[in-house]
Amino acid sequence: MLKCLVLLCSMGSALITLAPARVPAQNNPRSMQDTLKKVNAAKRERSATSIRTTDSTKQLQYYAKEGFTLAVIFPYHTIGGDFDGESVLYSNQDVFSLPTVTGNYGWGVMAGYRFTKGALELTYLTSTHDVMFLKAKGKAHYNVINFDLRFCFQAEKPIQPYCLAGIGIPWLIVNEGHVTVHPGGTTSNADDAMFASAIAFNLGGGLYLHLHPAFSLGAEVSYRVIIFGTVNGITIGKDVTLMGNGLALSVRAAITL
């Protein structure tokens, strides 16, 4: 019996010890009001932080500004293919020389539209070249209008590699590249030969360096497969394919409005 009482007393003591203490409730309206103000302020801060984070994410997602773009271009053109410095084209009494064309620099302009991850561009490029046909020297003028599509990689960064594909309309004027052979072997004075009605297929790539979302510098290399269709308005025969393939290198400065 004594052991049981000791045990009960011990349990009672434990129960008394473990019983939670009750604290009288305090009604403090000013303290509650301050707490609500702090909660609302924290919510507003989280909301503002969320907005700033969202805006920052949008800005970093695509670095370049979208919009209408203008550029000045400085190209280097080469022309090869059937222009070997020894071959000619005949059409009745007309003879057209196909000189070798030395690569040279030129200039050009571009108008297009910049998207977040690429661009559609219309360019005009021109350059003047030294030519040679059977050791006779001369000049040629090369022009091309290109319509290209560019796709950018790493569009969220200021340095953006890109690839391009497009088509072009080139024409080449060779000074004194045409003579008329009369019966008896006499020839008229030489005049210009204009190779035109051509189509070009462009394929290449390059790199944009954005100094600002609306301003960039660029470097590019592309290869053009060129097929000429006429010379001085005379259609080149179906059995003859006149090629003027060449490499194009260029640098540019562009601004997006």
C-alpha atoms as a PDB file:
ATOM      1  CA  MET A   1       0.000   0.000   0.000  1.00  0.00           C
ATOM      2  CA  LEU A   2       2.780   2.409   0.870  1.00  0.00           C
ATOM      3  CA  LYS A   3       4.493   1.656  -2.435  1.00  0.00           C
ATOM      4  CA  CYS A   4       1.217   2.400  -4.313  1.00  0.00           C
ATOM      5  CA  LEU A   5       0.796   5.763  -2.568  1.00  0.00           C
ATOM      6  CA  VAL A   6       4.359   6.697  -3.373  1.00  0.00           C
ATOM      7  CA  LEU A   7       3.733   5.736  -6.997  1.00  0.00           C
ATOM      8  CA  LEU A   8       0.492   7.765  -7.145  1.00  0.00           C
ATOM      9  CA  CYS A   9       2.172  10.745  -5.581  1.00  0.00           C
ATOM     10  CA  SER A  10       4.950  10.502  -8.102  1.00  0.00           C
ATOM     11  CA  MET A  11       2.437  10.380 -10.990  1.00  0.00           C
ATOM     12  CA  GLY A  12       0.491  13.299  -9.591  1.00  0.00           C
ATOM     13  CA  SER A  13       3.641  15.284  -9.275  1.00  0.00           C
ATOM     14  CA  ALA A  14       4.507  14.480 -12.892  1.00  0.00           C
ATOM     15  CA  LEU A  15       1.018  15.481 -14.000  1.00  0.00           C
ATOM     16  CA  ILE A  16       1.230  18.727 -12.116  1.00  0.00           C
ATOM     17  CA  THR A  17       4.674  19.378 -13.514  1.00  0.00           C
ATOM     18  CA  LEU A  18       3.593  18.651 -17.110  1.00  0.00           C
ATOM     19  CA  ALA A  19       0.370  20.672 -17.001  1.00  0.00           C
ATOM     20  CA  PRO A  20       0.639  23.761 -19.236  1.00  0.00           C
ATOM     21  CA  ALA A  21       0.475  27.115 -17.590  1.00  0.00           C
ATOM     22  CA  ARG A  22      -2.428  29.305 -18.691  1.00  0.00           C
ATOM     23  CA  VAL A  23      -1.626  32.893 -19.531  1.00  0.00           C
ATOM     24  CA  PRO A  24      -4.467  35.350 -19.274  1.00  0.00           C
ATOM     25  CA  ALA A  25      -5.503  36.614 -22.717  1.00  0.00           C
ATOM     26  CA  GLN A  26      -4.572  40.202 -23.389  1.00  0.00           C
ATOM     27  CA  ASN A  27      -6.570  42.358 -25.714  1.00  0.00           C
ATOM     28  CA  ASN A  28      -4.136  44.858 -27.307  1.00  0.00           C
ATOM     29  CA  PRO A  29      -5.741  46.457 -30.374  1.00  0.00           C
ATOM     30  CA  ARG A  30      -2.719  48.642 -31.116  1.00  0.00           C
ATOM     31  CA  SER A  31      -0.417  45.602 -31.165  1.00  0.00           C
ATOM     32  CA  MET A  32      -2.770  43.734 -33.526  1.00  0.00           C
ATOM     33  CA  GLN A  33      -2.957  46.749 -35.825  1.00  0.00           C
ATOM     34  CA  ASP A  34       0.826  46.987 -35.974  1.00  0.00           C
ATOM     35  CA  THR A  35       1.046  43.280 -36.762  1.00  0.00           C
ATOM     36  CA  LEU A  36      -1.437  43.635 -39.671  1.00  0.00           C
ATOM     37  CA  LYS A  37       0.539  46.559 -41.046  1.00  0.00           C
ATOM     38  CA  LYS A  38       3.725  44.517 -40.959  1.00  0.00           C
ATOM     39  CA  VAL A  39       2.006  41.592 -42.745  1.00  0.00           C
ATOM     40  CA  ASN A  40       0.635  43.883 -45.488  1.00  0.00           C
ATOM     41  CA  ALA A  41       4.021  45.537 -45.928  1.00  0.00           C
ATOM     42  CA  ALA A  42       5.679  42.122 -46.311  1.00  0.00           C
ATOM     43  CA  LYS A  43       3.092  41.127 -48.941  1.00  0.00           C
ATOM     44  CA  ARG A  44       3.708  44.325 -50.901  1.00  0.00           C
ATOM     45  CA  GLU A  45       7.456  43.766 -50.771  1.00  0.00           C
ATOM     46  CA  ARG A  46       7.075  40.181 -52.034  1.00  0.00           C
ATOM     47  CA  SER A  47       4.822  41.420 -54.848  1.00  0.00           C
ATOM     48  CA  ALA A  48       7.291  44.130 -55.866  1.00  0.00           C
ATOM     49  CA  THR A  49      10.130  41.642 -55.778  1.00  0.00           C
ATOM     50  CA  SER A  50       8.112  39.284 -57.982  1.00  0.00           C
ATOM     51  CA  ILE A  51       7.442  42.069 -60.500  1.00  0.00           C
ATOM     52  CA  ARG A  52      11.114  43.063 -60.605  1.00  0.00           C
ATOM     53  CA  THR A  53      12.140  39.446 -61.067  1.00  0.00           C
ATOM     54  CA  THR A  54       9.618  38.982 -63.877  1.00  0.00           C
ATOM     55  CA  ASP A  55      10.800  42.156 -65.650  1.00  0.00           C
ATOM     56  CA  SER A  56      14.411  41.096 -65.281  1.00  0.00           C
ATOM     57  CA  THR A  57      13.622  37.653 -66.675  1.00  0.00           C
ATOM     58  CA  LYS A  58      11.919  39.193 -69.709  1.00  0.00           C
ATOM     59  CA  GLN A  59      14.874  41.474 -70.344  1.00  0.00           C
ATOM     60  CA  LEU A  60      17.376  38.650 -70.124  1.00  0.00           C
ATOM     61  CA  GLN A  61      15.337  36.196 -72.182  1.00  0.00           C
ATOM     62  CA  TYR A  62      16.060  37.970 -75.489  1.00  0.00           C
ATOM     63  CA  TYR A  63      18.792  40.584 -75.534  1.00  0.00           C
ATOM     64  CA  ALA A  64      18.253  42.294 -78.890  1.00  0.00           C
ATOM     65  CA  LYS A  65      15.514  44.833 -79.416  1.00  0.00           C
ATOM     66  CA  GLU A  66      12.745  43.873 -81.829  1.00  0.00           C
ATOM     67  CA  GLY A  67      11.901  46.248 -84.638  1.00  0.00           C
ATOM     68  CA  PHE A  68      12.804  47.761 -88.003  1.00  0.00           C
ATOM     69  CA  THR A  69      16.575  47.592 -88.609  1.00  0.00           C
ATOM     70  CA  LEU A  70      18.995  49.515 -90.829  1.00  0.00           C
ATOM     71  CA  ALA A  71      22.644  48.696 -91.472  1.00  0.00           C
ATOM     72  CA  VAL A  72      25.683  49.716 -93.470  1.00  0.00           C
ATOM     73  CA  ILE A  73      27.746  46.812 -94.827  1.00  0.00           C
ATOM     74  CA  PHE A  74      31.298  46.467 -96.137  1.00  0.00           C
ATOM     75  CA  PRO A  75      31.588  43.218 -98.162  1.00  0.00           C
ATOM     76  CA  TYR A  76      34.423  41.377 -99.876  1.00  0.00           C
ATOM     77  CA  HIS A  77      33.281  39.457-102.977  1.00  0.00           C
ATOM     78  CA  THR A  78      34.890  36.745-105.057  1.00  0.00           C
ATOM     79  CA  ILE A  79      33.516  35.441-108.380  1.00  0.00           C
ATOM     80  CA  GLY A  80      34.639  32.174-109.924  1.00  0.00           C
ATOM     81  CA  GLY A  81      32.857  29.323-111.621  1.00  0.00           C
ATOM     82  CA  ASP A  82      33.028  29.577-115.423  1.00  0.00           C
ATOM     83  CA  PHE A  83      34.829  32.936-115.313  1.00  0.00           C
ATOM     84  CA  ASP A  84      38.277  31.426-115.918  1.00  0.00           C
ATOM     85  CA  GLY A  85      39.974  34.031-118.139  1.00  0.00           C
ATOM     86  CA  GLU A  86      40.067  31.810-121.241  1.00  0.00           C
ATOM     87  CA  SER A  87      36.501  30.819-122.141  1.00  0.00           C
ATOM     88  CA  VAL A  88      34.013  32.729-124.319  1.00  0.00           C
ATOM     89  CA  LEU A  89      30.320  32.580-125.143  1.00  0.00           C
ATOM     90  CA  TYR A  90      29.177  32.699-128.790  1.00  0.00           C
ATOM     91  CA  SER A  91      25.828  33.854-130.111  1.00  0.00           C
ATOM     92  CA  ASN A  92      25.728  34.269-133.899  1.00  0.00           C
ATOM     93  CA  GLN A  93      28.199  37.132-134.444  1.00  0.00           C
ATOM     94  CA  ASP A  94      28.445  38.117-130.766  1.00  0.00           C
ATOM     95  CA  VAL A  95      31.388  37.000-128.666  1.00  0.00           C
ATOM     96  CA  PHE A  96      31.484  37.473-124.882  1.00  0.00           C
ATOM     97  CA  SER A  97      34.622  36.960-122.822  1.00  0.00           C
ATOM     98  CA  LEU A  98      34.585  35.227-119.433  1.00  0.00           C
ATOM     99  CA  PRO A  99      37.521  36.835-117.590  1.00  0.00           C
ATOM    100  CA  THR A 100      39.003  35.921-114.254  1.00  0.00           C
ATOM    101  CA  VAL A 101      37.641  38.222-111.564  1.00  0.00           C
ATOM    102  CA  THR A 102      39.874  39.347-108.703  1.00  0.00           C
ATOM    103  CA  GLY A 103      38.190  39.567-105.302  1.00  0.00           C
ATOM    104  CA  ASN A 104      37.637  43.052-103.914  1.00  0.00           C
ATOM    105  CA  TYR A 105      35.881  45.118-101.246  1.00  0.00           C
ATOM    106  CA  GLY A 106      32.680  47.063-101.721  1.00  0.00           C
ATOM    107  CA  TRP A 107      29.816  48.618 -99.808  1.00  0.00           C
ATOM    108  CA  GLY A 108      26.142  48.022 -99.236  1.00  0.00           C
ATOM    109  CA  VAL A 109      23.036  48.812 -97.221  1.00  0.00           C
ATOM    110  CA  MET A 110      20.423  46.706 -95.462  1.00  0.00           C
ATOM    111  CA  ALA A 111      16.818  47.162 -94.366  1.00  0.00           C
ATOM    112  CA  GLY A 112      15.018  44.486 -92.421  1.00  0.00           C
ATOM    113  CA  TYR A 113      13.162  43.441 -89.302  1.00  0.00           C
ATOM    114  CA  ARG A 114      14.816  42.016 -86.184  1.00  0.00           C
ATOM    115  CA  PHE A 115      12.899  39.354 -84.271  1.00  0.00           C
ATOM    116  CA  THR A 116      13.832  38.028 -80.848  1.00  0.00           C
ATOM    117  CA  LYS A 117      15.774  35.087 -82.286  1.00  0.00           C
ATOM    118  CA  GLY A 118      16.482  36.139 -85.857  1.00  0.00           C
ATOM    119  CA  ALA A 119      15.941  38.587 -88.673  1.00  0.00           C
ATOM    120  CA  LEU A 120      14.574  39.024 -92.188  1.00  0.00           C
ATOM    121  CA  GLU A 121      16.887  41.249 -94.244  1.00  0.00           C
ATOM    122  CA  LEU A 122      16.901  42.828 -97.702  1.00  0.00           C
ATOM    123  CA  THR A 123      20.385  43.958 -98.770  1.00  0.00           C
ATOM    124  CA  TYR A 124      21.981  45.678-101.750  1.00  0.00           C
ATOM    125  CA  LEU A 125      25.722  45.115-102.224  1.00  0.00           C
ATOM    126  CA  THR A 126      28.119  46.370-104.902  1.00  0.00           C
ATOM    127  CA  SER A 127      31.837  46.073-105.651  1.00  0.00           C
ATOM    128  CA  THR A 128      34.309  46.865-108.467  1.00  0.00           C
ATOM    129  CA  HIS A 129      36.843  44.249-109.569  1.00  0.00           C
ATOM    130  CA  ASP A 130      39.956  43.897-111.686  1.00  0.00           C
ATOM    131  CA  VAL A 131      39.522  41.327-114.460  1.00  0.00           C
ATOM    132  CA  MET A 132      41.848  39.642-116.932  1.00  0.00           C
ATOM    133  CA  PHE A 133      41.113  37.828-120.206  1.00  0.00           C
ATOM    134  CA  LEU A 134      44.026  36.330-122.149  1.00  0.00           C
ATOM    135  CA  LYS A 135      46.414  38.783-120.444  1.00  0.00           C
ATOM    136  CA  ALA A 136      44.186  41.743-121.304  1.00  0.00           C
ATOM    137  CA  LYS A 137      43.204  43.688-118.183  1.00  0.00           C
ATOM    138  CA  GLY A 138      39.934  45.422-117.471  1.00  0.00           C
ATOM    139  CA  LYS A 139      37.262  46.213-114.915  1.00  0.00           C
ATOM    140  CA  ALA A 140      33.990  44.622-113.833  1.00  0.00           C
ATOM    141  CA  HIS A 141      31.158  45.803-111.599  1.00  0.00           C
ATOM    142  CA  TYR A 142      29.284  43.303-109.447  1.00  0.00           C
ATOM    143  CA  ASN A 143      25.885  43.975-107.880  1.00  0.00           C
ATOM    144  CA  VAL A 144      23.506  41.779-105.914  1.00  0.00           C
ATOM    145  CA  ILE A 145      20.194  42.137-104.101  1.00  0.00           C
ATOM    146  CA  ASN A 146      19.782  39.531-101.353  1.00  0.00           C
ATOM    147  CA  PHE A 147      16.828  38.419 -99.282  1.00  0.00           C
ATOM    148  CA  ASP A 148      18.094  36.410 -96.307  1.00  0.00           C
ATOM    149  CA  LEU A 149      16.688  34.785 -93.191  1.00  0.00           C
ATOM    150  CA  ARG A 150      18.938  34.702 -90.127  1.00  0.00           C
ATOM    151  CA  PHE A 151      18.483  32.515 -87.048  1.00  0.00           C
ATOM    152  CA  CYS A 152      20.377  33.500 -83.887  1.00  0.00           C
ATOM    153  CA  PHE A 153      21.759  31.228 -81.206  1.00  0.00           C
ATOM    154  CA  GLN A 154      22.202  32.388 -77.576  1.00  0.00           C
ATOM    155  CA  ALA A 155      19.604  35.117 -78.220  1.00  0.00           C
ATOM    156  CA  GLU A 156      19.545  35.995 -74.508  1.00  0.00           C
ATOM    157  CA  LYS A 157      23.202  37.121 -74.648  1.00  0.00           C
ATOM    158  CA  PRO A 158      24.857  40.144 -76.298  1.00  0.00           C
ATOM    159  CA  ILE A 159      27.152  37.918 -78.404  1.00  0.00           C
ATOM    160  CA  GLN A 160      24.996  35.874 -80.785  1.00  0.00           C
ATOM    161  CA  PRO A 161      26.229  33.415 -83.449  1.00  0.00           C
ATOM    162  CA  TYR A 162      23.791  32.928 -86.320  1.00  0.00           C
ATOM    163  CA  CYS A 163      23.216  30.964 -89.509  1.00  0.00           C
ATOM    164  CA  LEU A 164      21.625  32.285 -92.686  1.00  0.00           C
ATOM    165  CA  ALA A 165      19.932  31.079 -95.858  1.00  0.00           C
ATOM    166  CA  GLY A 166      18.496  33.098 -98.690  1.00  0.00           C
ATOM    167  CA  ILE A 167      18.289  33.949-102.352  1.00  0.00           C
ATOM    168  CA  GLY A 168      19.768  36.753-104.421  1.00  0.00           C
ATOM    169  CA  ILE A 169      19.511  38.542-107.755  1.00  0.00           C
ATOM    170  CA  PRO A 170      23.051  39.307-108.987  1.00  0.00           C
ATOM    171  CA  TRP A 171      24.324  40.954-112.160  1.00  0.00           C
ATOM    172  CA  LEU A 172      27.858  41.461-113.448  1.00  0.00           C
ATOM    173  CA  ILE A 173      29.005  44.085-115.967  1.00  0.00           C
ATOM    174  CA  VAL A 174      32.370  43.407-117.658  1.00  0.00           C
ATOM    175  CA  ASN A 175      33.821  46.499-119.322  1.00  0.00           C
ATOM    176  CA  GLU A 176      34.665  45.836-122.987  1.00  0.00           C
ATOM    177  CA  GLY A 177      33.695  42.208-122.576  1.00  0.00           C
ATOM    178  CA  HIS A 178      31.719  41.991-125.849  1.00  0.00           C
ATOM    179  CA  VAL A 179      32.699  42.248-129.519  1.00  0.00           C
ATOM    180  CA  THR A 180      30.789  41.630-132.733  1.00  0.00           C
ATOM    181  CA  VAL A 181      32.546  39.579-135.425  1.00  0.00           C
ATOM    182  CA  HIS A 182      31.543  40.602-138.969  1.00  0.00           C
ATOM    183  CA  PRO A 183      31.846  38.479-142.114  1.00  0.00           C
ATOM    184  CA  GLY A 184      35.439  38.464-143.229  1.00  0.00           C
ATOM    185  CA  GLY A 185      36.757  38.379-139.672  1.00  0.00           C
ATOM    186  CA  THR A 186      36.565  42.077-138.856  1.00  0.00           C
ATOM    187  CA  THR A 187      35.338  43.071-135.391  1.00  0.00           C
ATOM    188  CA  SER A 188      33.494  46.071-134.033  1.00  0.00           C
ATOM    189  CA  ASN A 189      34.738  48.135-131.135  1.00  0.00           C
ATOM    190  CA  ALA A 190      34.406  46.310-127.822  1.00  0.00           C
ATOM    191  CA  ASP A 191      31.573  47.304-125.516  1.00  0.00           C
ATOM    192  CA  ASP A 192      30.287  46.123-122.142  1.00  0.00           C
ATOM    193  CA  ALA A 193      28.958  42.638-121.469  1.00  0.00           C
ATOM    194  CA  MET A 194      26.189  42.447-118.874  1.00  0.00           C
ATOM    195  CA  PHE A 195      25.555  39.029-117.324  1.00  0.00           C
ATOM    196  CA  ALA A 196      22.100  39.121-115.731  1.00  0.00           C
ATOM    197  CA  SER A 197      18.760  37.319-115.260  1.00  0.00           C
ATOM    198  CA  ALA A 198      20.559  35.377-112.566  1.00  0.00           C
ATOM    199  CA  ILE A 199      19.579  33.700-109.343  1.00  0.00           C
ATOM    200  CA  ALA A 200      21.831  33.124-106.350  1.00  0.00           C
ATOM    201  CA  PHE A 201      21.448  30.744-103.416  1.00  0.00           C
ATOM    202  CA  ASN A 202      23.089  31.983-100.230  1.00  0.00           C
ATOM    203  CA  LEU A 203      24.224  29.878 -97.299  1.00  0.00           C
ATOM    204  CA  GLY A 204      26.445  30.973 -94.436  1.00  0.00           C
ATOM    205  CA  GLY A 205      26.747  32.263 -90.901  1.00  0.00           C
ATOM    206  CA  GLY A 206      28.171  34.970 -88.722  1.00  0.00           C
ATOM    207  CA  LEU A 207      28.308  36.673 -85.347  1.00  0.00           C
ATOM    208  CA  TYR A 208      26.437  39.627 -83.834  1.00  0.00           C
ATOM    209  CA  LEU A 209      28.094  41.683 -81.094  1.00  0.00           C
ATOM    210  CA  HIS A 210      25.468  43.836 -79.368  1.00  0.00           C
ATOM    211  CA  LEU A 211      26.933  46.914 -77.724  1.00  0.00           C
ATOM    212  CA  HIS A 212      23.342  47.859 -76.864  1.00  0.00           C
ATOM    213  CA  PRO A 213      20.020  46.030 -77.416  1.00  0.00           C
ATOM    214  CA  ALA A 214      19.379  48.436 -80.323  1.00  0.00           C
ATOM    215  CA  PHE A 215      22.928  48.587 -81.784  1.00  0.00           C
ATOM    216  CA  SER A 216      25.182  45.786 -83.000  1.00  0.00           C
ATOM    217  CA  LEU A 217      28.323  45.048 -84.959  1.00  0.00           C
ATOM    218  CA  GLY A 218      28.539  41.931 -87.084  1.00  0.00           C
ATOM    219  CA  ALA A 219      30.827  39.736 -89.160  1.00  0.00           C
ATOM    220  CA  GLU A 220      29.648  37.202 -91.726  1.00  0.00           C
ATOM    221  CA  VAL A 221      30.818  34.649 -94.274  1.00  0.00           C
ATOM    222  CA  SER A 222      28.580  33.106 -96.946  1.00  0.00           C
ATOM    223  CA  TYR A 223      28.836  31.119-100.163  1.00  0.00           C
ATOM    224  CA  ARG A 224      26.747  31.997-103.220  1.00  0.00           C
ATOM    225  CA  VAL A 225      25.819  29.596-105.990  1.00  0.00           C
ATOM    226  CA  ILE A 226      25.088  31.894-108.968  1.00  0.00           C
ATOM    227  CA  ILE A 227      23.467  30.902-112.270  1.00  0.00           C
ATOM    228  CA  PHE A 228      23.369  33.571-115.007  1.00  0.00           C
ATOM    229  CA  GLY A 229      20.508  33.438-117.518  1.00  0.00           C
ATOM    230  CA  THR A 230      21.284  36.146-120.093  1.00  0.00           C
ATOM    231  CA  VAL A 231      24.164  38.225-121.418  1.00  0.00           C
ATOM    232  CA  ASN A 232      23.308  41.589-123.037  1.00  0.00           C
ATOM    233  CA  GLY A 233      19.717  40.457-123.199  1.00  0.00           C
ATOM    234  CA  ILE A 234      20.573  37.289-125.134  1.00  0.00           C
ATOM    235  CA  THR A 235      19.328  34.142-123.453  1.00  0.00           C
ATOM    236  CA  ILE A 236      22.051  31.651-122.666  1.00  0.00           C
ATOM    237  CA  GLY A 237      21.211  28.319-124.303  1.00  0.00           C
ATOM    238  CA  LYS A 238      19.568  25.506-122.409  1.00  0.00           C
ATOM    239  CA  ASP A 239      22.608  23.314-122.992  1.00  0.00           C
ATOM    240  CA  VAL A 240      24.906  25.896-121.365  1.00  0.00           C
ATOM    241  CA  THR A 241      24.958  26.647-117.642  1.00  0.00           C
ATOM    242  CA  LEU A 242      26.960  29.764-116.832  1.00  0.00           C
ATOM    243  CA  MET A 243      28.042  29.706-113.185  1.00  0.00           C
ATOM    244  CA  GLY A 244      29.569  32.551-111.202  1.00  0.00           C
ATOM    245  CA  ASN A 245      29.877  31.030-107.735  1.00  0.00           C
ATOM    246  CA  GLY A 246      31.733  32.973-105.094  1.00  0.00           C
ATOM    247  CA  LEU A 247      32.532  33.620-101.470  1.00  0.00           C
ATOM    248  CA  ALA A 248      31.306  36.711 -99.640  1.00  0.00           C
ATOM    249  CA  LEU A 249      32.792  38.125 -96.443  1.00  0.00           C
ATOM    250  CA  SER A 250      31.357  41.182 -94.732  1.00  0.00           C
ATOM    251  CA  VAL A 251      31.327  43.368 -91.638  1.00  0.00           C
ATOM    252  CA  ARG A 252      28.440  45.595 -90.633  1.00  0.00           C
ATOM    253  CA  ALA A 253      26.984  48.061 -88.158  1.00  0.00           C
ATOM    254  CA  ALA A 254      23.235  47.925 -87.531  1.00  0.00           C
ATOM    255  CA  ILE A 255      20.693  49.909 -85.544  1.00  0.00           C
ATOM    256  CA  THR A 256      17.164  48.883 -84.584  1.00  0.00           C
ATOM    257  CA  LEU A 257      14.596  51.682 -84.504  1.00  0.00           C
END
